Amino acid sequence: MLGGISIWQLLIVLGIIILIFGTKKLRNVGSDLGGAVKGFKKAVNEDEDKSEEAKPQAQVRHDETDTPNNTYDVEAERKPESSDERK
C-alpha cells in the first residue's frame, strides 16, 4: 500500500507512546478524555432541550366568524420543468 498506514506501523507507534508515557498516565488521559466527551454531550443535550422549550408554539385562533370552509393565501414556488417533463 503506497502512502497508507498499516496495522504494524500503528502498533509500533502505540508501543513507543506506551514506553514514553506509561500505561498509568495513558489510562488517566483516556478517562479524562471520556469524561470531557460525556460532559460535552450532556451540555449539548441540555442546550437543545432549553431551545425547544423556548420556541414559540404556533397557535390557531378560532373566532366566531371562522367557518370550516375558510381559505388561506399561501405562496409556493414552482419547480422548474426539465426538458423531459415538457414532452
Protein backbone atom coordinates (compact mmCIF):
# COMPACT_ATOMS: atom_id res chain seq x y z
CA MET A 1 0.00 0.00 0.00
CA LEU A 2 1.60 3.19 -1.12
CA GLY A 3 1.15 6.10 1.30
CA GLY A 4 -1.13 4.21 3.69
CA ILE A 5 -0.53 3.28 7.29
CA SER A 6 -0.53 -0.43 8.04
CA ILE A 7 -1.55 -2.09 11.29
CA TRP A 8 2.12 -2.85 12.07
CA GLN A 9 3.07 0.81 11.86
CA LEU A 10 0.21 1.71 14.22
CA LEU A 11 1.31 -0.96 16.71
CA ILE A 12 4.89 0.32 16.66
CA VAL A 13 3.71 3.90 17.28
CA LEU A 14 1.45 2.69 20.10
CA GLY A 15 4.36 0.78 21.67
CA ILE A 16 6.58 3.87 21.56
CA ILE A 17 3.84 6.00 23.15
CA ILE A 18 3.40 3.43 25.94
CA LEU A 19 7.15 3.40 26.57
CA ILE A 20 7.31 7.21 26.75
CA PHE A 21 4.20 7.93 28.85
CA GLY A 22 3.46 4.66 30.63
CA THR A 23 0.14 2.87 30.93
CA LYS A 24 -0.98 4.64 34.12
CA LYS A 25 -0.71 8.11 32.59
CA LEU A 26 -2.39 6.96 29.37
CA ARG A 27 -5.25 5.45 31.40
CA ASN A 28 -5.72 8.78 33.22
CA VAL A 29 -5.68 10.68 29.93
CA GLY A 30 -8.25 8.27 28.49
CA SER A 31 -10.61 8.62 31.44
CA ASP A 32 -10.25 12.41 31.41
CA LEU A 33 -10.98 12.50 27.69
CA GLY A 34 -14.01 10.22 28.16
CA GLY A 35 -15.34 12.46 30.95
CA ALA A 36 -14.88 15.55 28.80
CA VAL A 37 -16.79 13.98 25.89
CA LYS A 38 -19.59 12.88 28.24
CA GLY A 39 -19.82 16.40 29.70
CA PHE A 40 -19.90 17.93 26.24
CA LYS A 41 -22.73 15.64 25.10
CA LYS A 42 -24.69 16.41 28.27
CA ALA A 43 -24.28 20.17 27.73
CA VAL A 44 -25.38 19.90 24.09
CA ASN A 45 -28.48 17.90 25.04
CA GLU A 46 -29.40 20.37 27.80
CA ASP A 47 -28.97 23.27 25.37
CA GLU A 48 -31.22 21.57 22.80
CA ASP A 49 -33.87 20.95 25.47
CA LYS A 50 -33.79 24.61 26.51
CA SER A 51 -34.05 25.81 22.92
CA GLU A 52 -37.06 23.54 22.28
CA GLU A 53 -38.80 24.92 25.36
CA ALA A 54 -38.11 28.49 24.26
CA LYS A 55 -39.61 28.05 20.78
CA PRO A 56 -42.99 29.71 20.48
CA GLN A 57 -45.74 27.30 19.63
CA ALA A 58 -47.98 28.09 16.68
CA GLN A 59 -51.44 28.93 17.86
CA VAL A 60 -54.58 28.88 15.79
CA ARG A 61 -57.26 31.31 16.81
CA HIS A 62 -60.84 30.34 16.24
CA ASP A 63 -63.19 33.28 16.06
CA GLU A 64 -66.93 33.19 15.83
CA THR A 65 -66.57 34.17 12.16
CA ASP A 66 -64.43 31.13 11.33
CA THR A 67 -66.18 28.62 9.17
CA PRO A 68 -64.94 25.19 8.12
CA ASN A 69 -64.55 26.43 4.54
CA ASN A 70 -62.06 29.24 5.23
CA THR A 71 -59.28 29.55 2.69
CA TYR A 72 -55.77 30.75 3.35
CA ASP A 73 -53.41 32.52 0.97
CA VAL A 74 -50.04 30.86 0.62
CA GLU A 75 -47.16 31.36 -1.75
CA ALA A 76 -45.49 28.40 -3.37
CA GLU A 77 -42.55 28.26 -5.68
CA ARG A 78 -42.94 26.33 -8.88
CA LYS A 79 -40.39 23.72 -9.60
CA PRO A 80 -38.65 24.40 -12.92
CA GLU A 81 -39.67 21.90 -15.51
CA SER A 82 -36.96 19.78 -17.03
CA SER A 83 -36.85 19.07 -20.73
CA ASP A 84 -38.11 15.50 -20.11
CA GLU A 85 -41.31 16.72 -18.39
CA ARG A 86 -42.24 19.11 -21.21
CA LYS A 87 -42.58 16.34 -23.80
